[in-house]
């Protein structure tokens, strides 16, 4: 009986060793080529204004009054939709303003010419949008940061504006 257990154990070890050798050793050329292609594409330098399928260029700023008469900063941004579907700036991009290290609240203007972030843009189309943020003061720098709203990427477009 002891001999039978030893033989069965030896056969089990041999079977396991054969199974392990069958699993490794050969390399699939197709998967190697795909990996190399992916690495090459990652190294390609991208446009700093591109956020996924969109291009965002922060153009200018202007100190204005919001609908309550408070000081606000109007940020003009050029948005290009390079995706395959219609989408608006406010659905595609998360743009934030900071002053003194704190995020500024968005606000609205009585001026109807400001805004546009809710308008859909067709694939390949470009639209200038204006976002308003309530200022803490009119002296300190305002930092603008735009990122793709739904993305795992850490890419962002940033610009700072000196107030005078």
N, C-alpha and C. Protein backbone atom coordinates (compact mmCIF):
# COMPACT_ATOMS: atom_id res chain seq x y z
N UNK A 1 0.82 -1.19 0.00
CA UNK A 1 0.00 0.00 0.00
C UNK A 1 0.86 1.26 0.00
N UNK A 2 1.96 1.22 0.76
CA UNK A 2 2.86 2.36 0.82
C UNK A 2 3.50 2.60 -0.54
N UNK A 3 3.79 1.50 -1.24
CA UNK A 3 4.40 1.60 -2.56
C UNK A 3 3.43 2.24 -3.55
N UNK A 4 2.15 1.90 -3.44
CA UNK A 4 1.12 2.44 -4.33
C UNK A 4 0.98 3.96 -4.12
N UNK A 5 0.99 4.41 -2.86
CA UNK A 5 0.91 5.84 -2.57
C UNK A 5 2.11 6.58 -3.16
N UNK A 6 3.29 5.99 -3.05
CA UNK A 6 4.50 6.62 -3.60
C UNK A 6 4.42 6.73 -5.11
N UNK A 7 3.92 5.69 -5.76
CA UNK A 7 3.80 5.71 -7.22
C UNK A 7 2.78 6.76 -7.65
N UNK A 8 1.64 6.82 -6.97
CA UNK A 8 0.61 7.82 -7.30
C UNK A 8 1.13 9.25 -7.08
N UNK A 9 1.87 9.46 -5.99
CA UNK A 9 2.45 10.77 -5.73
C UNK A 9 3.45 11.15 -6.80
N UNK A 10 4.30 10.20 -7.20
CA UNK A 10 5.28 10.45 -8.26
C UNK A 10 4.60 10.78 -9.58
N UNK A 11 3.53 10.04 -9.91
CA UNK A 11 2.79 10.30 -11.15
C UNK A 11 2.13 11.69 -11.10
N UNK A 12 1.62 12.08 -9.95
CA UNK A 12 1.02 13.40 -9.79
C UNK A 12 2.03 14.51 -9.99
N UNK A 13 3.22 14.33 -9.43
CA UNK A 13 4.29 15.33 -9.57
C UNK A 13 4.72 15.45 -11.03
N UNK A 14 4.86 14.32 -11.71
CA UNK A 14 5.26 14.33 -13.12
C UNK A 14 4.18 15.01 -13.96
N UNK A 15 2.90 14.70 -13.71
CA UNK A 15 1.80 15.33 -14.45
C UNK A 15 1.81 16.84 -14.24
N UNK A 16 2.00 17.27 -13.01
CA UNK A 16 2.04 18.70 -12.70
C UNK A 16 3.20 19.38 -13.41
N UNK A 17 4.37 18.74 -13.40
CA UNK A 17 5.55 19.31 -14.06
C UNK A 17 5.32 19.43 -15.56
N UNK A 18 4.70 18.41 -16.17
CA UNK A 18 4.41 18.47 -17.61
C UNK A 18 3.40 19.59 -17.92
N UNK A 19 2.42 19.75 -17.06
CA UNK A 19 1.43 20.81 -17.27
C UNK A 19 2.08 22.19 -17.22
N UNK A 20 3.00 22.39 -16.28
CA UNK A 20 3.69 23.67 -16.18
C UNK A 20 4.56 23.95 -17.41
N UNK A 21 5.23 22.91 -17.92
CA UNK A 21 6.09 23.12 -19.09
C UNK A 21 5.24 23.41 -20.32
N UNK A 22 4.07 22.84 -20.41
CA UNK A 22 3.21 23.07 -21.56
C UNK A 22 2.66 24.50 -21.56
N UNK A 23 2.52 25.10 -20.40
CA UNK A 23 1.96 26.45 -20.30
C UNK A 23 2.93 27.54 -20.72
N UNK A 24 4.20 27.33 -20.63
CA UNK A 24 5.15 28.41 -20.92
C UNK A 24 6.03 28.07 -22.09
N UNK A 25 7.00 28.93 -22.34
CA UNK A 25 8.01 28.64 -23.34
C UNK A 25 7.82 29.36 -24.64
N UNK A 26 6.67 29.29 -25.28
CA UNK A 26 6.50 29.94 -26.57
C UNK A 26 5.94 31.34 -26.37
N UNK A 27 6.36 32.24 -27.23
CA UNK A 27 5.91 33.62 -27.12
C UNK A 27 5.10 33.95 -28.36
N UNK A 28 3.95 34.54 -28.17
CA UNK A 28 3.08 34.91 -29.27
C UNK A 28 3.59 36.20 -29.90
N UNK A 29 3.99 36.12 -31.18
CA UNK A 29 4.54 37.31 -31.85
C UNK A 29 3.52 38.43 -31.96
N UNK A 30 2.27 38.09 -32.20
CA UNK A 30 1.24 39.11 -32.38
C UNK A 30 1.09 39.95 -31.12
N UNK A 31 1.08 39.32 -29.95
CA UNK A 31 0.92 40.11 -28.72
C UNK A 31 2.15 40.96 -28.46
N UNK A 32 3.34 40.49 -28.83
CA UNK A 32 4.55 41.29 -28.67
C UNK A 32 4.49 42.52 -29.55
N UNK A 33 4.04 42.36 -30.79
CA UNK A 33 3.94 43.49 -31.71
C UNK A 33 2.92 44.51 -31.20
N UNK A 34 1.80 44.03 -30.66
CA UNK A 34 0.79 44.94 -30.13
C UNK A 34 1.35 45.74 -28.96
N UNK A 35 2.09 45.09 -28.10
CA UNK A 35 2.69 45.78 -26.95
C UNK A 35 3.67 46.84 -27.41
N UNK A 36 4.50 46.52 -28.39
CA UNK A 36 5.47 47.49 -28.89
C UNK A 36 4.77 48.67 -29.54
N UNK A 37 3.68 48.41 -30.29
CA UNK A 37 2.93 49.49 -30.93
C UNK A 37 2.31 50.39 -29.87
N UNK A 38 1.74 49.81 -28.84
CA UNK A 38 1.14 50.61 -27.77
C UNK A 38 2.18 51.48 -27.09
N UNK A 39 3.37 50.94 -26.84
CA UNK A 39 4.42 51.72 -26.22
C UNK A 39 4.86 52.87 -27.12
N UNK A 40 4.95 52.62 -28.41
CA UNK A 40 5.37 53.66 -29.36
C UNK A 40 4.34 54.78 -29.40
N UNK A 41 3.04 54.43 -29.37
CA UNK A 41 2.01 55.45 -29.40
C UNK A 41 2.01 56.28 -28.12
N UNK A 42 2.29 55.66 -27.00
CA UNK A 42 2.34 56.37 -25.73
C UNK A 42 3.47 57.39 -25.71
N UNK A 43 4.59 57.05 -26.31
CA UNK A 43 5.75 57.95 -26.30
C UNK A 43 5.56 59.14 -27.24
N UNK A 44 4.63 59.02 -28.22
CA UNK A 44 4.39 60.11 -29.16
C UNK A 44 3.91 61.34 -28.38
N UNK A 45 4.53 62.47 -28.62
CA UNK A 45 4.19 63.69 -27.89
C UNK A 45 2.83 64.20 -28.36
N UNK A 46 1.95 64.45 -27.42
CA UNK A 46 0.62 64.92 -27.77
C UNK A 46 0.55 66.43 -27.64
N UNK A 47 -0.48 67.00 -28.24
CA UNK A 47 -0.72 68.42 -28.17
C UNK A 47 -1.13 68.76 -26.73
N UNK A 48 -0.49 69.74 -26.11
CA UNK A 48 -0.80 70.05 -24.71
C UNK A 48 -2.23 70.56 -24.50
N UNK A 49 -2.90 70.99 -25.56
CA UNK A 49 -4.28 71.46 -25.44
C UNK A 49 -5.30 70.36 -25.69
N UNK A 50 -4.85 69.14 -25.98
CA UNK A 50 -5.78 68.04 -26.24
C UNK A 50 -6.13 67.32 -24.96
N UNK A 51 -7.42 67.16 -24.76
CA UNK A 51 -7.94 66.40 -23.62
C UNK A 51 -8.82 65.30 -24.19
N UNK A 52 -8.26 64.13 -24.40
CA UNK A 52 -9.01 63.03 -25.00
C UNK A 52 -9.40 63.38 -26.42
N UNK A 53 -10.71 63.34 -26.70
CA UNK A 53 -11.23 63.65 -28.03
C UNK A 53 -11.50 65.14 -28.23
N UNK A 54 -11.04 65.97 -27.32
CA UNK A 54 -11.36 67.39 -27.38
C UNK A 54 -10.09 68.23 -27.33
N UNK A 55 -10.20 69.43 -27.88
CA UNK A 55 -9.10 70.39 -27.80
C UNK A 55 -9.63 71.60 -27.05
N UNK A 56 -8.89 72.03 -26.04
CA UNK A 56 -9.30 73.16 -25.22
C UNK A 56 -8.18 74.17 -25.19
N UNK A 57 -8.50 75.41 -25.53
CA UNK A 57 -7.52 76.49 -25.48
C UNK A 57 -8.11 77.62 -24.65
N UNK A 58 -7.50 77.89 -23.51
CA UNK A 58 -7.95 78.98 -22.64
C UNK A 58 -7.39 80.27 -23.22
N UNK A 59 -8.28 81.13 -23.70
CA UNK A 59 -7.87 82.30 -24.49
C UNK A 59 -7.60 83.55 -23.67
N UNK A 60 -8.60 84.01 -22.92
CA UNK A 60 -8.46 85.32 -22.27
C UNK A 60 -9.35 85.41 -21.04
N UNK A 61 -9.14 86.52 -20.31
CA UNK A 61 -9.97 86.79 -19.13
C UNK A 61 -10.34 88.26 -19.11
N UNK A 62 -11.42 88.54 -18.39
CA UNK A 62 -11.86 89.92 -18.22
C UNK A 62 -12.61 90.02 -16.89
N UNK A 63 -12.30 91.04 -16.10
CA UNK A 63 -13.03 91.26 -14.86
C UNK A 63 -14.33 91.97 -15.21
N UNK A 64 -15.45 91.38 -14.78
CA UNK A 64 -16.79 91.90 -15.09
C UNK A 64 -17.64 91.85 -13.82
N UNK A 65 -18.87 92.28 -13.93
CA UNK A 65 -19.83 92.17 -12.82
C UNK A 65 -20.79 91.02 -13.14
N UNK A 66 -21.12 90.23 -12.11
CA UNK A 66 -22.11 89.17 -12.33
C UNK A 66 -23.51 89.76 -12.18
N UNK A 67 -24.54 88.91 -12.24
CA UNK A 67 -25.91 89.41 -12.21
C UNK A 67 -26.27 90.09 -10.89
N UNK A 68 -25.51 89.82 -9.82
CA UNK A 68 -25.76 90.46 -8.52
C UNK A 68 -24.90 91.71 -8.30
N UNK A 69 -24.05 92.03 -9.28
CA UNK A 69 -23.17 93.19 -9.15
C UNK A 69 -21.84 92.89 -8.49
N UNK A 70 -21.55 91.62 -8.22
CA UNK A 70 -20.26 91.22 -7.62
C UNK A 70 -19.19 91.12 -8.69
N UNK A 71 -17.92 91.32 -8.27
CA UNK A 71 -16.81 91.15 -9.20
C UNK A 71 -16.69 89.68 -9.60
N UNK A 72 -16.50 89.48 -10.89
CA UNK A 72 -16.35 88.12 -11.43
C UNK A 72 -15.30 88.16 -12.52
N UNK A 73 -14.78 87.00 -12.85
CA UNK A 73 -13.85 86.90 -13.97
C UNK A 73 -14.51 86.07 -15.06
N UNK A 74 -14.49 86.61 -16.27
CA UNK A 74 -15.04 85.91 -17.43
C UNK A 74 -13.87 85.26 -18.16
N UNK A 75 -13.91 83.95 -18.29
CA UNK A 75 -12.85 83.19 -18.96
C UNK A 75 -13.37 82.73 -20.31
N UNK A 76 -12.69 83.19 -21.37
CA UNK A 76 -13.05 82.79 -22.73
C UNK A 76 -12.19 81.59 -23.11
N UNK A 77 -12.86 80.52 -23.55
CA UNK A 77 -12.19 79.26 -23.89
C UNK A 77 -12.65 78.79 -25.26
N UNK A 78 -11.69 78.33 -26.08
CA UNK A 78 -12.03 77.76 -27.38
C UNK A 78 -12.11 76.24 -27.23
N UNK A 79 -13.26 75.65 -27.61
CA UNK A 79 -13.51 74.22 -27.47
C UNK A 79 -13.71 73.60 -28.85
N UNK A 80 -12.91 72.58 -29.17
CA UNK A 80 -13.05 71.85 -30.44
C UNK A 80 -13.42 70.41 -30.13
N UNK A 81 -14.49 69.94 -30.78
CA UNK A 81 -14.96 68.57 -30.59
C UNK A 81 -14.36 67.68 -31.67
N UNK A 82 -13.41 66.82 -31.29
CA UNK A 82 -12.81 65.87 -32.23
C UNK A 82 -13.36 64.46 -32.04
N UNK A 83 -14.46 64.33 -31.30
CA UNK A 83 -15.08 63.02 -31.11
C UNK A 83 -15.99 62.73 -32.31
N UNK A 84 -16.70 61.62 -32.25
CA UNK A 84 -17.57 61.22 -33.36
C UNK A 84 -19.02 61.60 -33.12
N UNK A 85 -19.31 62.25 -31.99
CA UNK A 85 -20.69 62.60 -31.67
C UNK A 85 -20.79 64.05 -31.22
N UNK A 86 -21.98 64.63 -31.37
CA UNK A 86 -22.23 65.98 -30.87
C UNK A 86 -22.08 65.99 -29.36
N UNK A 87 -21.47 67.03 -28.83
CA UNK A 87 -21.32 67.16 -27.37
C UNK A 87 -21.10 68.63 -27.03
N UNK A 88 -21.51 69.00 -25.82
CA UNK A 88 -21.32 70.38 -25.38
C UNK A 88 -20.07 70.48 -24.50
N UNK A 89 -19.56 71.69 -24.37
CA UNK A 89 -18.39 71.95 -23.52
C UNK A 89 -18.67 71.51 -22.08
N UNK A 90 -19.85 71.84 -21.56
CA UNK A 90 -20.15 71.54 -20.16
C UNK A 90 -20.28 70.05 -19.88
N UNK A 91 -20.57 69.23 -20.90
CA UNK A 91 -20.66 67.78 -20.71
C UNK A 91 -19.29 67.13 -20.91
N UNK A 92 -18.45 67.72 -21.75
CA UNK A 92 -17.15 67.12 -22.08
C UNK A 92 -16.01 67.57 -21.15
N UNK A 93 -16.05 68.81 -20.70
CA UNK A 93 -14.90 69.41 -20.00
C UNK A 93 -15.29 69.91 -18.61
N UNK A 94 -14.40 69.69 -17.65
CA UNK A 94 -14.55 70.25 -16.31
C UNK A 94 -13.53 71.38 -16.18
N UNK A 95 -14.02 72.61 -16.22
CA UNK A 95 -13.12 73.77 -16.08
C UNK A 95 -13.35 74.40 -14.71
N UNK A 96 -12.25 74.64 -14.00
CA UNK A 96 -12.32 75.23 -12.66
C UNK A 96 -11.41 76.44 -12.58
N UNK A 97 -11.78 77.37 -11.69
CA UNK A 97 -10.96 78.55 -11.44
C UNK A 97 -10.58 78.56 -9.96
N UNK A 98 -9.34 78.98 -9.68
CA UNK A 98 -8.83 79.03 -8.31
C UNK A 98 -8.21 80.40 -8.05
N UNK A 99 -8.43 80.91 -6.85
CA UNK A 99 -7.79 82.15 -6.41
C UNK A 99 -7.36 81.94 -4.96
N UNK A 100 -6.12 82.25 -4.66
CA UNK A 100 -5.56 82.04 -3.32
C UNK A 100 -5.67 80.57 -2.90
N UNK A 101 -5.55 79.66 -3.87
CA UNK A 101 -5.57 78.24 -3.57
C UNK A 101 -6.95 77.65 -3.33
N UNK A 102 -8.00 78.44 -3.54
CA UNK A 102 -9.37 77.98 -3.29
C UNK A 102 -10.19 78.06 -4.57
N UNK A 103 -11.01 77.04 -4.80
CA UNK A 103 -11.85 77.02 -5.99
C UNK A 103 -12.89 78.14 -5.92
N UNK A 104 -13.06 78.83 -7.05
CA UNK A 104 -14.05 79.91 -7.14
C UNK A 104 -15.41 79.34 -7.56
N UNK A 105 -16.47 79.98 -7.07
CA UNK A 105 -17.83 79.59 -7.44
C UNK A 105 -18.13 80.08 -8.85
N UNK A 106 -18.91 79.28 -9.59
CA UNK A 106 -19.37 79.76 -10.89
C UNK A 106 -20.53 80.72 -10.63
N UNK A 107 -20.71 81.64 -11.55
CA UNK A 107 -21.80 82.59 -11.45
C UNK A 107 -22.31 82.87 -12.86
N UNK A 108 -23.31 83.70 -12.97
CA UNK A 108 -23.86 84.04 -14.28
C UNK A 108 -23.88 85.54 -14.46
N UNK A 109 -23.96 85.94 -15.71
CA UNK A 109 -23.96 87.36 -16.06
C UNK A 109 -25.31 87.75 -16.61
N UNK A 110 -25.63 89.01 -16.49
CA UNK A 110 -26.84 89.52 -17.11
C UNK A 110 -26.64 89.68 -18.61
N UNK A 111 -25.38 89.66 -19.06
CA UNK A 111 -25.03 89.81 -20.48
C UNK A 111 -25.30 88.50 -21.21
N UNK A 112 -26.22 88.51 -22.14
CA UNK A 112 -26.61 87.30 -22.87
C UNK A 112 -25.51 86.77 -23.78
N UNK A 113 -24.52 87.60 -24.12
CA UNK A 113 -23.46 87.15 -25.03
C UNK A 113 -22.47 86.21 -24.33
N UNK A 114 -22.50 86.17 -23.00
CA UNK A 114 -21.60 85.28 -22.27
C UNK A 114 -22.26 83.93 -22.09
N UNK A 115 -21.46 82.89 -22.05
CA UNK A 115 -21.98 81.54 -21.86
C UNK A 115 -21.65 80.69 -23.07
N UNK A 116 -22.63 79.92 -23.51
CA UNK A 116 -22.45 79.05 -24.67
C UNK A 116 -21.97 77.66 -24.33
N UNK A 117 -21.65 77.40 -23.06
CA UNK A 117 -21.09 76.10 -22.71
C UNK A 117 -22.10 74.97 -22.82
N UNK A 118 -23.39 75.30 -22.87
CA UNK A 118 -24.42 74.27 -22.97
C UNK A 118 -24.75 73.90 -24.42
N UNK A 119 -24.22 74.66 -25.39
CA UNK A 119 -24.51 74.38 -26.81
C UNK A 119 -23.72 73.17 -27.29
N UNK A 120 -24.40 72.28 -28.02
CA UNK A 120 -23.71 71.13 -28.61
C UNK A 120 -22.83 71.57 -29.77
N UNK A 121 -21.71 70.88 -29.91
CA UNK A 121 -20.77 71.13 -31.00
C UNK A 121 -20.65 69.84 -31.80
N UNK A 122 -20.81 69.95 -33.12
CA UNK A 122 -20.70 68.78 -33.98
C UNK A 122 -19.25 68.32 -34.08
N UNK A 123 -19.03 67.05 -34.48
CA UNK A 123 -17.66 66.56 -34.67
C UNK A 123 -16.88 67.46 -35.63
N UNK A 124 -15.70 67.87 -35.21
CA UNK A 124 -14.86 68.76 -36.01
C UNK A 124 -15.16 70.23 -35.81
N UNK A 125 -16.24 70.54 -35.09
CA UNK A 125 -16.64 71.93 -34.89
C UNK A 125 -15.94 72.57 -33.70
N UNK A 126 -15.89 73.90 -33.74
CA UNK A 126 -15.24 74.68 -32.68
C UNK A 126 -16.20 75.77 -32.20
N UNK A 127 -16.18 76.04 -30.90
CA UNK A 127 -17.03 77.06 -30.32
C UNK A 127 -16.26 77.78 -29.22
N UNK A 128 -16.40 79.10 -29.16
CA UNK A 128 -15.82 79.87 -28.05
C UNK A 128 -16.89 80.00 -26.97
N UNK A 129 -16.55 79.58 -25.76
CA UNK A 129 -17.48 79.66 -24.63
C UNK A 129 -16.89 80.60 -23.58
N UNK A 130 -17.77 81.19 -22.78
CA UNK A 130 -17.33 82.07 -21.70
C UNK A 130 -17.94 81.58 -20.40
N UNK A 131 -17.08 81.31 -19.43
CA UNK A 131 -17.50 80.86 -18.10
C UNK A 131 -17.20 81.98 -17.11
N UNK A 132 -18.09 82.22 -16.16
CA UNK A 132 -17.91 83.26 -15.15
C UNK A 132 -17.67 82.64 -13.78
N UNK A 133 -16.72 83.23 -13.03
CA UNK A 133 -16.40 82.77 -11.68
C UNK A 133 -16.38 83.98 -10.75
N UNK A 134 -17.02 83.85 -9.59
CA UNK A 134 -17.07 84.94 -8.61
C UNK A 134 -15.70 85.09 -7.96
N UNK A 135 -15.14 86.31 -8.03
CA UNK A 135 -13.80 86.58 -7.48
C UNK A 135 -13.84 86.80 -5.97
N UNK A 136 -12.74 86.41 -5.31
CA UNK A 136 -12.55 86.73 -3.89
C UNK A 136 -12.08 88.18 -3.75
N UNK A 137 -11.23 88.60 -4.71
CA UNK A 137 -10.73 89.98 -4.75
C UNK A 137 -10.27 90.26 -6.18
N UNK A 138 -9.90 91.50 -6.44
CA UNK A 138 -9.47 91.87 -7.80
C UNK A 138 -7.96 92.11 -7.88
N UNK A 139 -7.21 91.58 -6.92
CA UNK A 139 -5.76 91.75 -6.94
C UNK A 139 -5.00 90.45 -7.23
N UNK A 140 -5.42 89.34 -6.64
CA UNK A 140 -4.65 88.10 -6.72
C UNK A 140 -4.89 87.34 -8.02
N UNK A 141 -3.87 86.59 -8.42
CA UNK A 141 -3.89 85.79 -9.64
C UNK A 141 -5.01 84.75 -9.60
N UNK A 142 -5.60 84.51 -10.77
CA UNK A 142 -6.61 83.45 -10.92
C UNK A 142 -6.02 82.37 -11.82
N UNK A 143 -6.06 81.13 -11.33
CA UNK A 143 -5.57 79.98 -12.08
C UNK A 143 -6.75 79.20 -12.64
N UNK A 144 -6.68 78.90 -13.93
CA UNK A 144 -7.73 78.14 -14.61
C UNK A 144 -7.18 76.77 -14.94
N UNK A 145 -7.99 75.74 -14.69
CA UNK A 145 -7.59 74.37 -14.99
C UNK A 145 -8.76 73.65 -15.65
N UNK A 146 -8.49 73.07 -16.83
CA UNK A 146 -9.51 72.31 -17.56
C UNK A 146 -9.06 70.87 -17.71
N UNK A 147 -9.97 69.94 -17.43
CA UNK A 147 -9.71 68.51 -17.61
C UNK A 147 -10.90 67.89 -18.32
N UNK A 148 -10.68 66.72 -18.90
CA UNK A 148 -11.79 65.99 -19.51
C UNK A 148 -12.69 65.53 -18.37
N UNK A 149 -14.01 65.73 -18.51
CA UNK A 149 -14.94 65.46 -17.42
C UNK A 149 -14.92 63.99 -17.00
N UNK A 150 -14.98 63.08 -17.96
CA UNK A 150 -14.98 61.65 -17.65
C UNK A 150 -13.74 61.04 -18.28
N UNK A 151 -12.72 60.81 -17.46
CA UNK A 151 -11.45 60.29 -17.97
C UNK A 151 -10.60 59.78 -16.82
N UNK A 152 -9.75 58.80 -17.11
CA UNK A 152 -8.78 58.33 -16.14
C UNK A 152 -7.44 59.03 -16.35
N UNK A 153 -7.36 59.88 -17.36
CA UNK A 153 -6.13 60.60 -17.67
C UNK A 153 -5.93 61.76 -16.69
N UNK A 154 -4.69 62.08 -16.43
CA UNK A 154 -4.38 63.22 -15.56
C UNK A 154 -4.03 64.45 -16.39
N UNK A 155 -4.25 64.40 -17.70
CA UNK A 155 -3.95 65.54 -18.56
C UNK A 155 -4.84 66.72 -18.20
N UNK A 156 -4.27 67.91 -18.29
CA UNK A 156 -5.05 69.12 -18.04
C UNK A 156 -4.46 70.28 -18.83
N UNK A 157 -5.30 71.28 -19.04
CA UNK A 157 -4.87 72.52 -19.68
C UNK A 157 -4.96 73.59 -18.59
N UNK A 158 -3.87 74.32 -18.39
CA UNK A 158 -3.83 75.31 -17.31
C UNK A 158 -3.38 76.67 -17.84
N UNK A 159 -3.90 77.72 -17.22
CA UNK A 159 -3.45 79.07 -17.54
C UNK A 159 -3.73 79.96 -16.34
N UNK A 160 -2.83 80.90 -16.08
CA UNK A 160 -3.00 81.84 -14.97
C UNK A 160 -3.20 83.24 -15.52
N UNK A 161 -4.04 84.00 -14.82
CA UNK A 161 -4.32 85.38 -15.21
C UNK A 161 -4.02 86.31 -14.04
N UNK A 162 -3.17 87.31 -14.30
CA UNK A 162 -2.86 88.35 -13.31
C UNK A 162 -3.98 89.38 -13.36
N UNK A 163 -4.52 89.74 -12.22
CA UNK A 163 -5.57 90.76 -12.16
C UNK A 163 -4.95 92.10 -11.81
N UNK A 164 -5.49 93.19 -12.39
CA UNK A 164 -4.96 94.53 -12.10
C UNK A 164 -6.08 95.48 -11.85
